[in-house]
Structure formats: C-alpha cells, structure tokens
Amino acid sequence: MIIWLPLIAFVLSFLGVYFLKKYALRLKIVAIPNERSLHNKVTPRGGGVIIAIVFLAFLLVFYITRQIMVAEFLVLFGGGLIMAVTGFLDDILELKASIRFIIQFFAVGWGLYWIGGIPSTAFFERLPVLYAIANAVTVVALVWFINSFNFIDGIDGLATTSATFFSLSTGGYFLWQGIEPYGSLLIVLAASSLAFLCFNWPPAKMFLGDAGSNFFGYLFGAMVLITVKNGNLSIWTWLIILAYLITDTTTTTFLRLCLVKGWYHTHRSHAYQNLARVLDNHKFVTCLITGINVFYLLPLAYLSIQYQQYAWLAFAASVIPILGFVLKYGPLYAR
C-alpha cells in the first residue's frame, strides 16, 4: 500500500493537471504578465486545485475505511475543501481581499474548533482567559501562515518543491515511526505535488494559483496543530522544517511595513524574487532554496528530534542564516 498509494496519486494528479492545463487556456484561467510578475508570457493557473482534489479524495477513502477519526477528518477535509474552492474561484474571478480573509478566518476557526483548541497546560487551566487569547492568536497565526504560502509562490517551482519537501520529510518520519494515517496522507500529498511539479518546474507551463497555495497553507497548518497536540512531533521540529517559508515571508513583510507606504500591495521584493530577477534564472533560485531545505534544515530537524532539550537551539540555528539572507537580498536589496 505504501508503494501503490503514492503511485496512484501521482498518476491521477498528472492526468488531472494535463487536462486542466488545456481547458484553462480555453477558459482563460491564466496569469497575465504585469510589472510586478516575474514571467513574460500568459500561463495557465489554478493547477493546485488538482492536488487538492486528489488529496481530499484519498482522505475521504481513509475516513470511509475508518483510518482517521471524525474530528480530524472534519478539520482536514472541511477546511481543505473551503480553501481549495475559494482559491480556485480567486484564480478565476479574482475575489476581493476582504472576502478572502473572511473565508480564511472561518476555515481556520472551523479547524481549531474540531481540533479542540491548542494544547492546554496547567497555567492555562488556572487562567482560562489567557487560553482563549492564545487560541485567538493561533487563529491569526494560521491565517498568516496560509498567506505566507501564497507569498512564497512567486517564482516557478518554489512553492511546489517546498510543499513536496514538507510532505516527504514529515510524512517519511511519521511512516518510520508508524504514525498513521498522517504518514501515508503526507506521502500521498508529496506524490501529487511531484506530479504537478512536472508542469510547474522552470520554465513553468502551469501555475499553482491560490487554489494550491491556500490549500497547502491550511493543510500544513492543520497538520502542525494535530500532530503537536497528539504528541507526534514537536513544534520546534515543525518550525525548523518550515523555517525558510516562515522567516522569508515574515521578515519581508515586516521590512515593507517599515519602509513602504503601501506595504500591503502585491510586490516582488522577496529575497528569492530579487535573485531570480537579477540572475534571470528561476531554476537556480528554486534549486538553491530546495538545497537549503534538504541539506541544512532537514539535518537540524533530525537533531531537534534526537536532542529535544536543545530543539530551541536548532530552531535558532535554522532561522539566523535565513534571516541574514533575507536582510541582504530582500526589500533592502530591492531599494
């Protein structure tokens, strides 16, 4: 099953993206180049909806065969479906930002409700008001994380390779430890992402779109909450795995908030975007960041599992070099 499940997911995703690519051009579901984009030709978008459909179909099978609990199924399926549908509609119709945010807050609230809130402690039990505040902060953080995935989808292949790395690294660990169904589900997600990468690898023939980036952001955020609360994986290990995405998007947004009047407008001043533009090479930058994930962050994540008392130190080691990279080539470099 470990072999067949990802193989089936790969084939279904590849065929789905292939046909969607043809119809997207006819239906004009495309990204049109503008002064802020880093591509120079009209390209089909919204391909991430296929990844969502395939993953949610497998998730439904896991639920029908009673391999996943009801509450966790509702978290992943309900919120994931909301994000995929909303994202695809945004790819077609370009929804207002206010509508997108309202739906994102609803989806995250839905997920957190069925999870039962963040892990409680004796401290929170004595001060329930602080526990409520902590849950509210978590909702905001997860909405930010969903949008961070959207921010990282600025050059060919980067968001998809990042999602593949997150899925393979955590899914592989869960399989190794016999933690199911999350191991199998994440490997299925990795297979679907790899199939899409065949079309999204530089030079991209299909873009992920909000359907994919919003779905990825919600799904990984929900997986973090579920597996941390169940004690399957430390929050420090998750933060290390996600370190490039979190550090780049958060630092870039903070710098723009300080330096740019209309900081909330779309832009192309992330470090990876600046490098891709200056070098005129999406493939090099995507490979560079993939190398950081695999050869730097993954060993640190392993150390955080082996030496849990020093996990916070491994997290600091993961963030500091990336922070320096973003400060050097991010919004300050763009200026």
Protein backbone atom coordinates (compact mmCIF):
# COMPACT_ATOMS: atom_id res chain seq x y z
CA MET A 1 0.00 0.00 0.00
CA ILE A 2 2.90 2.33 0.78
CA ILE A 3 4.04 1.88 -2.83
CA TRP A 4 0.66 1.90 -4.56
CA LEU A 5 -0.97 4.84 -2.83
CA PRO A 6 1.59 7.48 -3.92
CA LEU A 7 1.82 5.92 -7.38
CA ILE A 8 -1.95 6.20 -7.88
CA ALA A 9 -1.90 9.76 -6.50
CA PHE A 10 0.91 10.71 -8.90
CA VAL A 11 -0.86 9.32 -11.97
CA LEU A 12 -4.23 10.87 -11.08
CA SER A 13 -2.63 14.25 -10.39
CA PHE A 14 -0.55 14.20 -13.57
CA LEU A 15 -3.55 13.41 -15.76
CA GLY A 16 -5.71 15.95 -13.94
CA VAL A 17 -3.20 18.77 -14.38
CA TYR A 18 -2.62 17.80 -18.02
CA PHE A 19 -6.31 18.15 -18.90
CA LEU A 20 -6.85 21.22 -16.70
CA LYS A 21 -3.95 22.94 -18.46
CA LYS A 22 -5.67 22.52 -21.83
CA TYR A 23 -9.05 23.74 -20.60
CA ALA A 24 -7.57 26.59 -18.54
CA LEU A 25 -6.23 28.18 -21.72
CA ARG A 26 -9.62 27.86 -23.42
CA LEU A 27 -11.46 29.25 -20.40
CA LYS A 28 -8.81 31.97 -19.92
CA ILE A 29 -7.91 30.86 -16.39
CA VAL A 30 -4.48 32.37 -16.86
CA ALA A 31 -1.90 34.62 -15.23
CA ILE A 32 -1.22 37.66 -17.39
CA PRO A 33 2.25 39.25 -17.05
CA ASN A 34 2.42 42.68 -15.41
CA GLU A 35 5.04 44.98 -13.91
CA ARG A 36 5.12 43.00 -10.66
CA SER A 37 5.29 39.50 -12.12
CA LEU A 38 8.45 37.55 -12.97
CA HIS A 39 7.09 35.77 -16.03
CA ASN A 40 6.76 37.17 -19.53
CA LYS A 41 4.02 35.06 -21.13
CA VAL A 42 0.42 34.15 -20.44
CA THR A 43 0.40 30.97 -18.35
CA PRO A 44 -2.48 28.74 -17.14
CA ARG A 45 -3.03 28.88 -13.39
CA GLY A 46 -5.10 27.16 -10.72
CA GLY A 47 -3.40 23.79 -11.15
CA GLY A 48 -3.17 23.37 -7.39
CA VAL A 49 -6.88 22.51 -7.36
CA ILE A 50 -5.97 19.09 -8.80
CA ILE A 51 -3.61 18.42 -5.88
CA ALA A 52 -6.43 19.35 -3.51
CA ILE A 53 -8.99 17.13 -5.26
CA VAL A 54 -6.70 14.10 -5.27
CA PHE A 55 -5.65 14.55 -1.64
CA LEU A 56 -9.22 15.10 -0.43
CA ALA A 57 -10.37 12.01 -2.36
CA PHE A 58 -7.74 9.89 -0.59
CA LEU A 59 -8.67 11.49 2.72
CA LEU A 60 -12.30 10.53 2.13
CA VAL A 61 -11.27 6.92 1.45
CA PHE A 62 -9.23 6.91 4.68
CA TYR A 63 -12.29 8.15 6.55
CA ILE A 64 -14.69 5.62 4.99
CA THR A 65 -12.28 2.81 5.89
CA ARG A 66 -12.07 4.21 9.44
CA GLN A 67 -8.37 5.01 9.34
CA ILE A 68 -8.88 8.57 10.57
CA MET A 69 -11.02 9.94 13.39
CA VAL A 70 -14.12 12.01 12.67
CA ALA A 71 -12.87 15.26 14.22
CA GLU A 72 -9.55 15.17 12.40
CA PHE A 73 -11.29 14.27 9.13
CA LEU A 74 -13.54 17.31 9.53
CA VAL A 75 -10.51 19.52 10.22
CA LEU A 76 -8.57 18.40 7.14
CA PHE A 77 -11.42 17.78 4.70
CA GLY A 78 -13.72 20.67 5.66
CA GLY A 79 -11.07 23.37 5.89
CA GLY A 80 -9.08 21.99 2.95
CA LEU A 81 -12.18 21.96 0.73
CA ILE A 82 -13.05 25.54 1.69
CA MET A 83 -9.53 26.74 0.89
CA ALA A 84 -9.29 24.87 -2.42
CA VAL A 85 -12.69 26.07 -3.68
CA THR A 86 -12.11 29.67 -2.55
CA GLY A 87 -8.62 29.69 -4.04
CA PHE A 88 -9.84 28.35 -7.39
CA LEU A 89 -12.62 30.93 -7.50
CA ASP A 90 -9.98 33.58 -6.80
CA ASP A 91 -7.87 32.25 -9.68
CA ILE A 92 -10.91 32.63 -11.97
CA LEU A 93 -12.67 35.72 -10.63
CA GLU A 94 -10.01 37.49 -8.51
CA LEU A 95 -12.00 37.87 -5.29
CA LYS A 96 -11.66 40.91 -3.05
CA ALA A 97 -9.01 40.62 -0.34
CA SER A 98 -11.63 41.22 2.37
CA ILE A 99 -13.68 38.23 1.17
CA ARG A 100 -10.61 36.01 1.07
CA PHE A 101 -9.63 36.97 4.62
CA ILE A 102 -13.13 36.35 5.99
CA ILE A 103 -13.21 32.88 4.44
CA GLN A 104 -9.69 32.11 5.69
CA PHE A 105 -10.61 33.10 9.25
CA PHE A 106 -13.74 30.96 9.02
CA ALA A 107 -11.80 27.93 7.76
CA VAL A 108 -9.13 28.28 10.44
CA GLY A 109 -11.78 28.76 13.13
CA TRP A 110 -13.54 25.64 11.87
CA GLY A 111 -10.33 23.63 12.06
CA LEU A 112 -9.35 24.86 15.51
CA TYR A 113 -12.84 24.13 16.83
CA TRP A 114 -12.75 20.47 15.76
CA ILE A 115 -9.17 20.06 16.98
CA GLY A 116 -10.38 21.26 20.37
CA GLY A 117 -8.13 24.29 20.58
CA ILE A 118 -4.39 24.44 21.13
CA PRO A 119 -2.80 22.11 23.72
CA SER A 120 -3.80 23.22 27.21
CA THR A 121 -1.47 23.44 30.23
CA ALA A 122 -1.88 23.82 33.97
CA PHE A 123 -1.09 27.51 33.51
CA PHE A 124 -3.96 27.96 31.06
CA GLU A 125 -6.30 25.95 33.28
CA ARG A 126 -5.75 28.47 36.05
CA LEU A 127 -6.24 31.41 33.67
CA PRO A 128 -8.89 30.42 31.09
CA VAL A 129 -8.99 33.97 29.70
CA LEU A 130 -5.37 33.64 28.59
CA TYR A 131 -6.17 30.29 26.99
CA ALA A 132 -8.93 31.97 24.95
CA ILE A 133 -6.49 34.73 23.94
CA ALA A 134 -3.88 32.13 22.97
CA ASN A 135 -6.40 30.38 20.71
CA ALA A 136 -7.32 33.72 19.10
CA VAL A 137 -3.64 34.42 18.45
CA THR A 138 -3.32 30.94 16.93
CA VAL A 139 -6.15 31.69 14.51
CA VAL A 140 -4.38 34.87 13.37
CA ALA A 141 -1.07 32.99 13.07
CA LEU A 142 -2.65 30.28 10.91
CA VAL A 143 -4.28 32.84 8.62
CA TRP A 144 -0.86 34.46 8.31
CA PHE A 145 0.65 31.05 7.50
CA ILE A 146 -1.91 30.45 4.73
CA ASN A 147 -0.95 33.76 3.15
CA SER A 148 2.75 33.04 3.66
CA PHE A 149 2.41 30.07 1.34
CA ASN A 150 0.85 32.42 -1.20
CA PHE A 151 3.79 34.82 -0.79
CA ILE A 152 6.33 32.07 -1.47
CA ASP A 153 4.63 31.21 -4.77
CA GLY A 154 6.44 33.94 -6.67
CA ILE A 155 8.79 32.05 -8.98
CA ASP A 156 8.49 28.83 -10.95
CA GLY A 157 8.50 25.69 -8.86
CA LEU A 158 9.35 27.16 -5.46
CA ALA A 159 6.05 26.68 -3.60
CA THR A 160 5.56 23.21 -5.08
CA THR A 161 9.07 22.00 -4.23
CA SER A 162 8.67 23.45 -0.73
CA ALA A 163 5.37 21.59 -0.25
CA THR A 164 6.98 18.40 -1.54
CA PHE A 165 9.84 18.81 0.94
CA PHE A 166 7.47 19.45 3.86
CA SER A 167 5.36 16.42 2.93
CA LEU A 168 8.22 14.00 2.31
CA SER A 169 10.24 14.95 5.38
CA THR A 170 7.39 14.84 7.90
CA GLY A 171 5.47 12.06 6.14
CA GLY A 172 8.59 9.92 5.94
CA TYR A 173 9.21 10.42 9.65
CA PHE A 174 5.63 9.51 10.53
CA LEU A 175 5.82 6.34 8.43
CA TRP A 176 9.12 5.41 10.07
CA GLN A 177 7.53 5.83 13.49
CA GLY A 178 4.30 4.07 12.47
CA ILE A 179 2.23 7.22 12.99
CA GLU A 180 -0.78 6.76 10.77
CA PRO A 181 -2.72 7.92 8.87
CA TYR A 182 -0.61 11.08 8.72
CA GLY A 183 2.42 9.34 7.26
CA SER A 184 0.50 7.88 4.32
CA LEU A 185 -1.54 11.03 3.75
CA LEU A 186 1.54 13.25 3.60
CA ILE A 187 3.29 10.85 1.21
CA VAL A 188 0.17 10.96 -1.00
CA LEU A 189 0.37 14.76 -0.90
CA ALA A 190 4.06 14.62 -1.84
CA ALA A 191 3.26 12.37 -4.82
CA SER A 192 0.54 14.72 -6.04
CA SER A 193 2.88 17.68 -5.63
CA LEU A 194 5.62 15.92 -7.61
CA ALA A 195 3.16 15.26 -10.42
CA PHE A 196 2.25 18.94 -10.54
CA LEU A 197 5.94 19.86 -10.42
CA CYS A 198 6.30 18.22 -13.85
CA PHE A 199 4.29 21.20 -15.16
CA ASN A 200 5.47 23.82 -12.65
CA TRP A 201 9.24 23.25 -12.88
CA PRO A 202 11.07 26.21 -14.50
CA PRO A 203 10.08 27.31 -17.05
CA ALA A 204 6.58 26.71 -15.70
CA LYS A 205 3.81 25.56 -18.04
CA MET A 206 1.20 25.76 -15.26
CA PHE A 207 0.97 27.85 -12.09
CA LEU A 208 -0.16 26.60 -8.70
CA GLY A 209 -2.52 29.51 -8.14
CA ASP A 210 -4.35 30.39 -4.95
CA ALA A 211 -6.21 27.09 -5.18
CA GLY A 212 -2.92 25.35 -4.43
CA SER A 213 -1.13 27.82 -2.18
CA ASN A 214 -4.15 28.39 0.09
CA PHE A 215 -4.80 24.66 0.28
CA PHE A 216 -1.17 23.92 1.15
CA GLY A 217 -1.07 26.66 3.77
CA TYR A 218 -4.21 25.46 5.52
CA LEU A 219 -3.33 21.78 5.31
CA PHE A 220 0.17 22.13 6.74
CA GLY A 221 -1.08 24.48 9.44
CA ALA A 222 -3.74 21.94 10.43
CA MET A 223 -1.18 19.12 10.38
CA VAL A 224 1.07 21.11 12.71
CA LEU A 225 -1.77 21.60 15.20
CA ILE A 226 -2.96 17.99 15.07
CA THR A 227 0.43 16.30 15.33
CA VAL A 228 1.74 18.66 18.02
CA LYS A 229 -1.39 18.20 20.10
CA ASN A 230 -1.18 14.41 19.68
CA GLY A 231 2.49 14.47 20.66
CA ASN A 232 3.60 13.06 17.29
CA LEU A 233 6.09 15.82 16.51
CA SER A 234 7.49 18.78 18.42
CA ILE A 235 6.51 22.30 17.44
CA TRP A 236 10.24 23.09 17.28
CA THR A 237 10.78 20.41 14.63
CA TRP A 238 7.88 21.72 12.56
CA LEU A 239 9.21 25.27 12.81
CA ILE A 240 12.63 24.11 11.62
CA ILE A 241 11.14 22.28 8.63
CA LEU A 242 9.13 25.41 7.77
CA ALA A 243 11.94 27.83 8.65
CA TYR A 244 12.64 29.24 5.19
CA LEU A 245 8.99 29.90 4.40
CA ILE A 246 8.23 31.49 7.78
CA THR A 247 11.41 33.58 8.00
CA ASP A 248 11.34 34.91 4.45
CA THR A 249 7.68 35.94 4.41
CA THR A 250 7.57 37.36 7.95
CA THR A 251 10.82 39.33 7.64
CA THR A 252 9.96 40.67 4.20
CA THR A 253 6.51 41.81 5.33
CA PHE A 254 7.92 43.47 8.46
CA LEU A 255 10.56 45.33 6.42
CA ARG A 256 7.94 46.51 3.93
CA LEU A 257 5.73 47.65 6.79
CA CYS A 258 8.59 49.85 7.99
CA LEU A 259 9.87 51.04 4.62
CA VAL A 260 6.99 51.14 2.14
CA LYS A 261 3.86 53.26 2.35
CA GLY A 262 1.61 50.79 0.52
CA TRP A 263 3.30 47.75 2.08
CA TYR A 264 0.19 45.56 1.69
CA HIS A 265 0.10 45.80 -2.11
CA THR A 266 1.43 42.96 -4.26
CA HIS A 267 5.16 43.17 -4.86
CA ARG A 268 8.22 41.21 -5.92
CA SER A 269 10.76 42.17 -3.27
CA HIS A 270 11.26 38.83 -1.52
CA ALA A 271 14.89 37.73 -1.50
CA TYR A 272 14.20 34.77 -3.78
CA GLN A 273 12.34 37.05 -6.23
CA ASN A 274 15.14 39.59 -6.32
CA LEU A 275 17.72 36.88 -7.01
CA ALA A 276 15.57 35.27 -9.69
CA ARG A 277 15.09 38.66 -11.37
CA VAL A 278 18.75 39.72 -11.21
CA LEU A 279 20.08 36.33 -12.29
CA ASP A 280 17.19 35.81 -14.73
CA ASN A 281 17.14 32.21 -13.54
CA HIS A 282 14.16 30.75 -11.66
CA LYS A 283 15.62 27.24 -11.74
CA PHE A 284 18.82 28.22 -9.91
CA VAL A 285 16.96 30.00 -7.11
CA THR A 286 14.42 27.19 -6.70
CA CYS A 287 17.27 24.67 -6.52
CA LEU A 288 19.14 26.90 -4.05
CA ILE A 289 16.24 27.09 -1.62
CA THR A 290 15.48 23.39 -2.05
CA GLY A 291 19.13 22.74 -1.17
CA ILE A 292 18.76 24.87 1.98
CA ASN A 293 15.69 22.85 2.95
CA VAL A 294 17.21 19.43 2.30
CA PHE A 295 20.86 19.86 3.30
CA TYR A 296 20.55 22.42 6.09
CA LEU A 297 17.08 22.43 7.64
CA LEU A 298 16.42 18.69 7.44
CA PRO A 299 19.55 17.71 9.46
CA LEU A 300 18.64 20.36 12.04
CA ALA A 301 15.12 18.92 12.26
CA TYR A 302 16.62 15.49 12.86
CA LEU A 303 18.83 16.88 15.64
CA SER A 304 15.80 18.54 17.23
CA ILE A 305 14.16 15.11 17.46
CA GLN A 306 17.25 13.33 18.78
CA TYR A 307 18.14 16.05 21.31
CA GLN A 308 14.80 17.52 22.26
CA GLN A 309 16.21 19.57 25.13
CA TYR A 310 18.20 21.58 22.57
CA ALA A 311 15.44 21.81 19.96
CA TRP A 312 15.06 25.56 20.54
CA LEU A 313 18.76 25.97 19.75
CA ALA A 314 18.36 24.05 16.49
CA PHE A 315 15.45 26.33 15.61
CA ALA A 316 17.60 29.43 16.23
CA ALA A 317 20.33 27.94 14.06
CA SER A 318 17.79 27.36 11.29
CA VAL A 319 16.42 30.91 11.33
CA ILE A 320 19.50 33.10 11.76
CA PRO A 321 21.25 32.38 8.40
CA ILE A 322 17.95 32.67 6.52
CA LEU A 323 17.27 35.97 8.27
CA GLY A 324 20.67 37.24 7.10
CA PHE A 325 19.91 36.08 3.55
CA VAL A 326 16.56 37.91 3.53
CA LEU A 327 18.04 41.09 5.02
CA LYS A 328 20.73 41.09 2.34
CA TYR A 329 18.63 40.28 -0.73
CA GLY A 330 15.08 41.17 0.35
CA PRO A 331 13.30 44.57 0.36
CA LEU A 332 16.52 46.42 1.33
CA TYR A 333 18.26 44.98 -1.74
CA ALA A 334 15.29 45.92 -3.93
CA ARG A 335 15.64 49.54 -2.86
